[in-house]
């Protein structure tokens, strides 16, 4: 069954959800119109022109629905869906009988009632559909179909509807499986990525740290940790506003990411602080890397109405020791970074 106009127009999920529903409704209109074309050809072929031309009206309705969806008139489009599906189901079942399988048309949309409506509303709509189907079966049991067709044609129609049902439910299951998979992927990304800068976050860095420390202990390789803290960041926020401050963080994150290797672990540690783990790197090489990053950051210049924003950062470097914990290594890098602050900022110190 199609979601109500109220569901789409007042959805709490905002514009993105409405666009998703619009795409879904457009695909359903095309699919249903294609099915009615098949109906038209089938009923003409078996010598039932009245039943054939009824589907022409349905095709025109679905064409109208497609246009309405394109114009984002979703409420009216959904109303037309209901005005086509339920009468078509009732008419087809009454004329050809219960064995025609026309009632499968309502069953194809039944899962969407649960997915797009509150629990009580979904229950009410489901009971309404069950009542309609029960009434149809009772009427047909007493008087039979109004315009019966040959048995083999009836069997063909029933299996066509059955295949439609299977295809619809399989497609629906595949669609929501994809949605769930994409949602899980986004959640996993949010769990390890800083939303503002796109760099990894503290949680991810801690995970990488444990793995890298275990590897270093096995191989006795060298590694260094670099702490980067932006200079006068509070003054930038106070003078230019937090939006400009966010731009500064994004720009620094971009510069840092471009200046490190793929094997390095770079993260926004918090606020205006960034942390870099450089495996298989000696202190001398790490000092050269830090100096190159410092120069790249100091070359950044952002335009703002309140004046140009110049960016510098203070760096603190420490060499990783085999018996280090994360807090110990960061404490040394932090002390080195504050030494850079004391020495006038925009420089690199090590401990």
Protein backbone atom coordinates (compact mmCIF):
# COMPACT_ATOMS: atom_id res chain seq x y z
CA UNK A 1 0.00 0.00 0.00
CA UNK A 2 1.12 3.54 -0.70
CA UNK A 3 2.04 5.81 2.24
CA UNK A 4 -0.45 8.56 3.03
CA UNK A 5 -0.09 12.11 1.83
CA UNK A 6 0.27 13.16 5.48
CA UNK A 7 3.19 10.75 5.88
CA UNK A 8 5.16 12.36 3.06
CA UNK A 9 4.18 16.01 3.41
CA UNK A 10 4.75 16.16 7.18
CA UNK A 11 7.59 13.67 7.42
CA UNK A 12 9.98 14.46 10.30
CA UNK A 13 12.96 13.49 8.15
CA UNK A 14 12.97 16.71 6.16
CA UNK A 15 13.71 17.44 2.53
CA UNK A 16 15.99 14.46 2.01
CA UNK A 17 13.23 12.04 3.01
CA UNK A 18 10.73 13.80 0.73
CA UNK A 19 13.14 13.49 -2.19
CA UNK A 20 13.53 9.79 -1.44
CA UNK A 21 9.76 9.31 -1.42
CA UNK A 22 9.45 11.27 -4.64
CA UNK A 23 11.94 8.95 -6.32
CA UNK A 24 10.11 5.91 -4.97
CA UNK A 25 6.71 7.16 -6.15
CA UNK A 26 8.06 7.96 -9.61
CA UNK A 27 9.49 4.44 -9.96
CA UNK A 28 6.21 2.92 -8.75
CA UNK A 29 4.24 4.96 -11.28
CA UNK A 30 6.45 3.73 -14.13
CA UNK A 31 6.27 0.13 -12.89
CA UNK A 32 2.50 0.16 -12.45
CA UNK A 33 1.99 1.80 -15.85
CA UNK A 34 4.10 -0.92 -17.47
CA UNK A 35 1.97 -3.59 -15.76
CA UNK A 36 -1.19 -1.97 -17.12
CA UNK A 37 0.27 -2.05 -20.62
CA UNK A 38 0.68 -5.81 -20.18
CA UNK A 39 -2.92 -6.03 -18.97
CA UNK A 40 -4.09 -4.14 -22.04
CA UNK A 41 -2.30 -6.46 -24.45
CA UNK A 42 -3.40 -9.58 -22.54
CA UNK A 43 -7.11 -8.73 -22.42
CA UNK A 44 -7.15 -7.70 -26.06
CA UNK A 45 -5.51 -11.01 -26.95
CA UNK A 46 -8.14 -13.09 -25.10
CA UNK A 47 -11.05 -11.13 -26.58
CA UNK A 48 -12.01 -8.90 -23.62
CA UNK A 49 -11.83 -5.36 -25.04
CA UNK A 50 -13.76 -3.80 -22.13
CA UNK A 51 -11.21 -5.11 -19.62
CA UNK A 52 -8.42 -4.01 -21.96
CA UNK A 53 -9.55 -0.41 -22.28
CA UNK A 54 -10.09 -0.05 -18.55
CA UNK A 55 -6.32 -0.27 -18.23
CA UNK A 56 -5.85 2.65 -20.61
CA UNK A 57 -7.44 4.83 -17.93
CA UNK A 58 -5.00 3.39 -15.39
CA UNK A 59 -2.04 4.14 -17.68
CA UNK A 60 -3.21 7.75 -18.00
CA UNK A 61 -3.54 8.00 -14.21
CA UNK A 62 0.00 6.72 -13.67
CA UNK A 63 1.29 9.14 -16.27
CA UNK A 64 -0.41 11.95 -14.35
CA UNK A 65 1.09 10.67 -11.10
CA UNK A 66 4.56 10.74 -12.64
CA UNK A 67 4.08 14.38 -13.70
CA UNK A 68 2.75 15.33 -10.25
CA UNK A 69 5.74 13.71 -8.56
CA UNK A 70 8.10 15.59 -10.88
CA UNK A 71 6.40 18.81 -9.77
CA UNK A 72 6.67 17.68 -6.11
CA UNK A 73 2.89 17.54 -5.62
CA UNK A 74 3.28 14.35 -3.62
CA UNK A 75 0.02 14.54 -1.69
CA UNK A 76 -2.09 14.63 -4.85
CA UNK A 77 0.05 11.92 -6.44
CA UNK A 78 -0.54 9.58 -3.49
CA UNK A 79 -4.28 10.27 -3.58
CA UNK A 80 -4.35 9.23 -7.26
CA UNK A 81 -2.43 6.06 -6.37
CA UNK A 82 -5.17 5.09 -3.95
CA UNK A 83 -7.92 6.02 -6.40
CA UNK A 84 -6.37 3.73 -9.00
CA UNK A 85 -5.20 0.72 -6.99
CA UNK A 86 -8.18 -0.01 -4.77
CA UNK A 87 -10.92 0.40 -7.42
CA UNK A 88 -8.80 -1.53 -9.95
CA UNK A 89 -8.35 -4.37 -7.46
CA UNK A 90 -12.04 -4.50 -6.56
CA UNK A 91 -13.20 -4.25 -10.20
CA UNK A 92 -10.78 -6.85 -11.51
CA UNK A 93 -11.63 -9.32 -8.73
CA UNK A 94 -15.42 -8.88 -9.15
CA UNK A 95 -15.28 -9.27 -12.93
CA UNK A 96 -12.83 -12.17 -13.19
CA UNK A 97 -13.18 -13.91 -9.86
CA UNK A 98 -11.04 -14.66 -6.85
CA UNK A 99 -8.80 -17.06 -8.77
CA UNK A 100 -7.62 -14.22 -11.03
CA UNK A 101 -5.30 -13.09 -8.22
CA UNK A 102 -6.16 -9.40 -8.62
CA UNK A 103 -6.17 -9.06 -4.84
CA UNK A 104 -2.38 -9.57 -4.96
CA UNK A 105 -2.20 -5.93 -6.06
CA UNK A 106 -3.10 -4.82 -2.53
CA UNK A 107 -0.83 -7.40 -0.90
CA UNK A 108 2.14 -6.04 -2.87
CA UNK A 109 1.87 -2.72 -1.05
CA UNK A 110 0.93 -4.05 2.39
CA UNK A 111 4.50 -3.99 3.86
CA UNK A 112 4.73 -0.25 3.21
CA UNK A 113 1.86 0.37 5.61
CA UNK A 114 4.00 -0.86 8.49
CA UNK A 115 7.13 0.89 7.24
CA UNK A 116 5.59 4.33 6.71
CA UNK A 117 2.88 4.69 9.35
CA UNK A 118 2.53 4.74 13.11
CA UNK A 119 1.64 1.38 14.63
CA UNK A 120 -2.06 2.04 15.29
CA UNK A 121 -2.57 3.70 11.91
CA UNK A 122 -0.84 0.82 10.16
CA UNK A 123 -3.03 -1.67 12.03
CA UNK A 124 -6.18 0.22 11.03
CA UNK A 125 -5.23 0.30 7.36
CA UNK A 126 -4.27 -3.34 7.37
CA UNK A 127 -7.61 -4.31 8.89
CA UNK A 128 -9.40 -2.19 6.28
CA UNK A 129 -7.65 -4.02 3.44
CA UNK A 130 -8.44 -7.39 5.05
CA UNK A 131 -12.10 -6.35 5.35
CA UNK A 132 -12.24 -5.34 1.67
CA UNK A 133 -10.70 -8.65 0.57
CA UNK A 134 -12.98 -10.68 2.83
CA UNK A 135 -16.01 -8.87 1.44
CA UNK A 136 -14.89 -9.57 -2.12
CA UNK A 137 -14.45 -13.26 -1.43
CA UNK A 138 -17.87 -13.44 0.24
CA UNK A 139 -19.57 -11.73 -2.72
CA UNK A 140 -17.83 -13.97 -5.26
CA UNK A 141 -18.69 -17.09 -3.27
CA UNK A 142 -22.38 -16.22 -3.62
CA UNK A 143 -22.63 -14.94 -7.19
CA UNK A 144 -19.36 -15.80 -8.99
CA UNK A 145 -17.39 -13.53 -11.36
CA UNK A 146 -19.31 -11.05 -13.50
CA UNK A 147 -17.34 -11.72 -16.71
CA UNK A 148 -15.61 -15.10 -16.38
CA UNK A 149 -12.81 -16.02 -18.79
CA UNK A 150 -11.40 -19.36 -19.92
CA UNK A 151 -9.70 -21.45 -17.28
CA UNK A 152 -6.25 -21.41 -18.87
CA UNK A 153 -6.43 -17.64 -19.27
CA UNK A 154 -7.44 -17.33 -15.64
CA UNK A 155 -4.48 -19.48 -14.62
CA UNK A 156 -2.10 -17.33 -16.68
CA UNK A 157 -3.46 -14.17 -15.01
CA UNK A 158 -3.16 -15.67 -11.53
CA UNK A 159 0.47 -16.65 -12.08
CA UNK A 160 1.22 -13.25 -13.55
CA UNK A 161 -0.08 -11.61 -10.38
CA UNK A 162 1.79 -14.08 -8.22
CA UNK A 163 5.04 -13.30 -10.02
CA UNK A 164 4.33 -9.58 -9.61
CA UNK A 165 3.89 -10.12 -5.87
CA UNK A 166 7.13 -12.09 -5.55
CA UNK A 167 9.03 -9.55 -7.65
CA UNK A 168 7.63 -6.60 -5.72
CA UNK A 169 8.41 -8.08 -2.31
CA UNK A 170 11.89 -9.15 -3.44
CA UNK A 171 12.60 -5.68 -4.79
CA UNK A 172 11.29 -4.10 -1.60
CA UNK A 173 13.47 -6.38 0.53
CA UNK A 174 16.50 -5.59 -1.63
CA UNK A 175 15.78 -1.85 -1.43
CA UNK A 176 15.60 -1.81 2.37
CA UNK A 177 18.59 -4.12 2.68
CA UNK A 178 20.57 -1.56 0.69
CA UNK A 179 19.24 1.23 2.90
CA UNK A 180 20.28 -0.64 6.04
CA UNK A 181 23.72 -1.40 4.61
CA UNK A 182 24.24 2.25 3.66
CA UNK A 183 23.06 3.41 7.08
CA UNK A 184 25.49 1.04 8.79
CA UNK A 185 28.28 2.31 6.56
CA UNK A 186 27.46 5.92 7.46
CA UNK A 187 27.34 5.06 11.16
CA UNK A 188 30.71 3.32 10.99
CA UNK A 189 32.15 6.37 9.26
CA UNK A 190 30.65 8.75 11.82
CA UNK A 191 32.17 6.64 14.58
CA UNK A 192 35.73 7.21 13.33
CA UNK A 193 35.58 10.50 11.36
CA UNK A 194 35.44 14.07 12.62
CA UNK A 195 32.37 15.64 11.03
CA UNK A 196 33.92 19.08 10.51
CA UNK A 197 37.38 18.35 9.11
CA UNK A 198 36.83 14.89 7.64
CA UNK A 199 39.89 13.63 9.51
CA UNK A 200 39.80 10.65 11.82
CA UNK A 201 38.68 11.34 15.37
CA UNK A 202 40.14 10.54 18.79
CA UNK A 203 38.40 7.16 18.98
CA UNK A 204 39.95 5.96 15.73
CA UNK A 205 43.39 7.25 16.72
CA UNK A 206 43.24 5.26 19.96
CA UNK A 207 42.43 2.10 18.01
CA UNK A 208 45.29 2.68 15.55
CA UNK A 209 47.62 3.44 18.45
CA UNK A 210 47.06 0.05 20.07
CA UNK A 211 47.76 -1.77 16.80
CA UNK A 212 50.82 0.32 15.93
CA UNK A 213 52.32 0.02 19.41
CA UNK A 214 51.97 -3.77 19.30
CA UNK A 215 53.67 -3.83 15.89
CA UNK A 216 56.52 -1.61 17.06
CA UNK A 217 57.16 -3.81 20.06
CA UNK A 218 57.46 -6.83 17.79
CA UNK A 219 59.69 -5.18 15.18
CA UNK A 220 61.61 -2.67 17.34
CA UNK A 221 60.92 -0.04 14.66
CA UNK A 222 60.96 3.72 15.28
CA UNK A 223 57.89 5.95 15.37
CA UNK A 224 57.07 9.51 16.37
CA UNK A 225 54.05 11.38 17.66
CA UNK A 226 53.38 14.99 16.66
CA UNK A 227 51.00 17.34 18.44
CA UNK A 228 49.73 20.35 16.46
CA UNK A 229 47.93 23.22 18.19
CA UNK A 230 46.68 26.29 16.33
CA UNK A 231 47.98 29.64 17.56
CA UNK A 232 45.58 32.32 18.86
CA UNK A 233 42.55 30.25 17.80
CA UNK A 234 40.31 31.82 20.46
CA UNK A 235 41.20 35.27 19.12
CA UNK A 236 40.24 34.14 15.61
CA UNK A 237 36.84 32.98 16.87
CA UNK A 238 36.30 36.18 18.88
CA UNK A 239 37.34 38.48 16.03
CA UNK A 240 35.97 36.71 12.97
CA UNK A 241 33.29 34.42 14.39
CA UNK A 242 32.98 30.68 14.80
CA UNK A 243 32.16 30.07 11.14
CA UNK A 244 35.54 31.44 10.17
CA UNK A 245 37.07 29.41 12.98
CA UNK A 246 35.53 26.30 11.44
CA UNK A 247 36.99 27.27 8.06
CA UNK A 248 40.41 27.54 9.69
CA UNK A 249 40.09 24.05 11.17
CA UNK A 250 39.00 22.63 7.83
CA UNK A 251 41.88 24.32 6.01
CA UNK A 252 44.47 23.13 8.51
CA UNK A 253 43.04 19.61 8.34
CA UNK A 254 43.36 19.71 4.56
CA UNK A 255 46.97 20.89 4.69
CA UNK A 256 47.94 18.27 7.24
CA UNK A 257 46.24 15.48 5.30
CA UNK A 258 48.02 16.47 2.08
CA UNK A 259 51.37 16.58 3.87
CA UNK A 260 51.40 13.10 5.45
CA UNK A 261 51.68 9.56 4.15
CA UNK A 262 48.84 7.07 3.83
CA UNK A 263 50.44 4.92 6.55
CA UNK A 264 50.45 7.83 9.02
CA UNK A 265 47.57 8.17 11.48
CA UNK A 266 46.22 11.74 11.51
CA UNK A 267 43.34 12.78 13.74
CA UNK A 268 41.62 15.84 15.10
CA UNK A 269 42.32 15.27 18.77
CA UNK A 270 39.91 17.91 20.01
CA UNK A 271 39.21 21.62 19.65
CA UNK A 272 42.10 23.14 17.70
CA UNK A 273 44.48 20.25 18.38
CA UNK A 274 45.60 17.63 15.86
CA UNK A 275 47.62 14.50 16.48
CA UNK A 276 49.85 12.64 14.04
CA UNK A 277 51.41 9.20 14.50
CA UNK A 278 54.26 8.51 12.07
CA UNK A 279 55.32 4.84 12.06
CA UNK A 280 58.75 3.76 10.83
CA UNK A 281 60.02 7.32 11.24
CA UNK A 282 63.07 8.53 13.14
CA UNK A 283 63.06 11.74 15.14
CA UNK A 284 65.25 13.54 12.61
CA UNK A 285 62.92 12.68 9.74
CA UNK A 286 59.87 13.55 11.86
CA UNK A 287 61.38 16.99 12.60
CA UNK A 288 61.69 17.62 8.86
CA UNK A 289 58.07 16.56 8.34
CA UNK A 290 56.91 18.81 11.18
CA UNK A 291 58.82 21.78 9.79
CA UNK A 292 57.33 21.22 6.34
CA UNK A 293 53.82 21.07 7.80
CA UNK A 294 54.46 24.20 9.86
CA UNK A 295 55.56 26.09 6.75
CA UNK A 296 52.50 24.92 4.79
CA UNK A 297 50.11 26.02 7.53
CA UNK A 298 51.76 29.41 7.95
CA UNK A 299 51.33 29.98 4.21
CA UNK A 300 47.55 29.67 4.53
CA UNK A 301 45.54 32.89 4.31
CA UNK A 302 41.75 33.16 4.57
CA UNK A 303 39.72 36.17 3.48
CA UNK A 304 37.06 37.59 5.79
CA UNK A 305 35.10 40.84 6.04
CA UNK A 306 36.85 41.59 9.32
CA UNK A 307 40.23 41.24 7.64
CA UNK A 308 42.63 38.57 6.49
CA UNK A 309 43.04 35.54 8.72
CA UNK A 310 46.59 34.31 9.03
CA UNK A 311 47.09 30.83 10.44
CA UNK A 312 50.02 29.47 12.38
CA UNK A 313 50.46 26.48 14.65
CA UNK A 314 52.80 25.28 17.37
CA UNK A 315 54.22 21.76 17.11
CA UNK A 316 55.35 19.29 19.75
CA UNK A 317 57.24 16.13 18.75
CA UNK A 318 58.20 13.05 20.71
CA UNK A 319 59.72 9.73 19.77
CA UNK A 320 57.67 6.69 20.70
CA UNK A 321 59.12 4.34 23.29
CA UNK A 322 58.35 0.59 23.47
CA UNK A 323 56.92 0.86 26.99
CA UNK A 324 54.82 3.95 26.21
CA UNK A 325 51.16 4.25 26.89
CA UNK A 326 49.13 6.63 24.78
CA UNK A 327 48.78 9.12 27.62
CA UNK A 328 52.55 9.10 28.27
CA UNK A 329 53.44 9.78 24.64
CA UNK A 330 50.83 12.52 24.32
CA UNK A 331 51.98 14.11 27.57
CA UNK A 332 55.52 14.46 26.20
CA UNK A 333 54.27 15.78 22.85
CA UNK A 334 52.02 18.21 24.72
CA UNK A 335 54.91 19.52 26.82
CA UNK A 336 56.99 19.99 23.69
CA UNK A 337 54.12 21.82 22.03
CA UNK A 338 53.76 24.22 24.98
CA UNK A 339 57.49 24.85 24.78
CA UNK A 340 56.83 26.02 21.20
CA UNK A 341 54.13 28.34 22.54
CA UNK A 342 56.58 29.75 25.09
CA UNK A 343 59.23 30.23 22.41
CA UNK A 344 56.98 32.51 20.38
CA UNK A 345 54.63 30.06 18.62
CA UNK A 346 54.78 28.97 14.97
CA UNK A 347 57.72 26.66 15.64
CA UNK A 348 58.58 23.02 16.33
CA UNK A 349 59.91 21.65 19.63
CA UNK A 350 60.67 18.09 20.65
CA UNK A 351 61.08 16.07 23.82
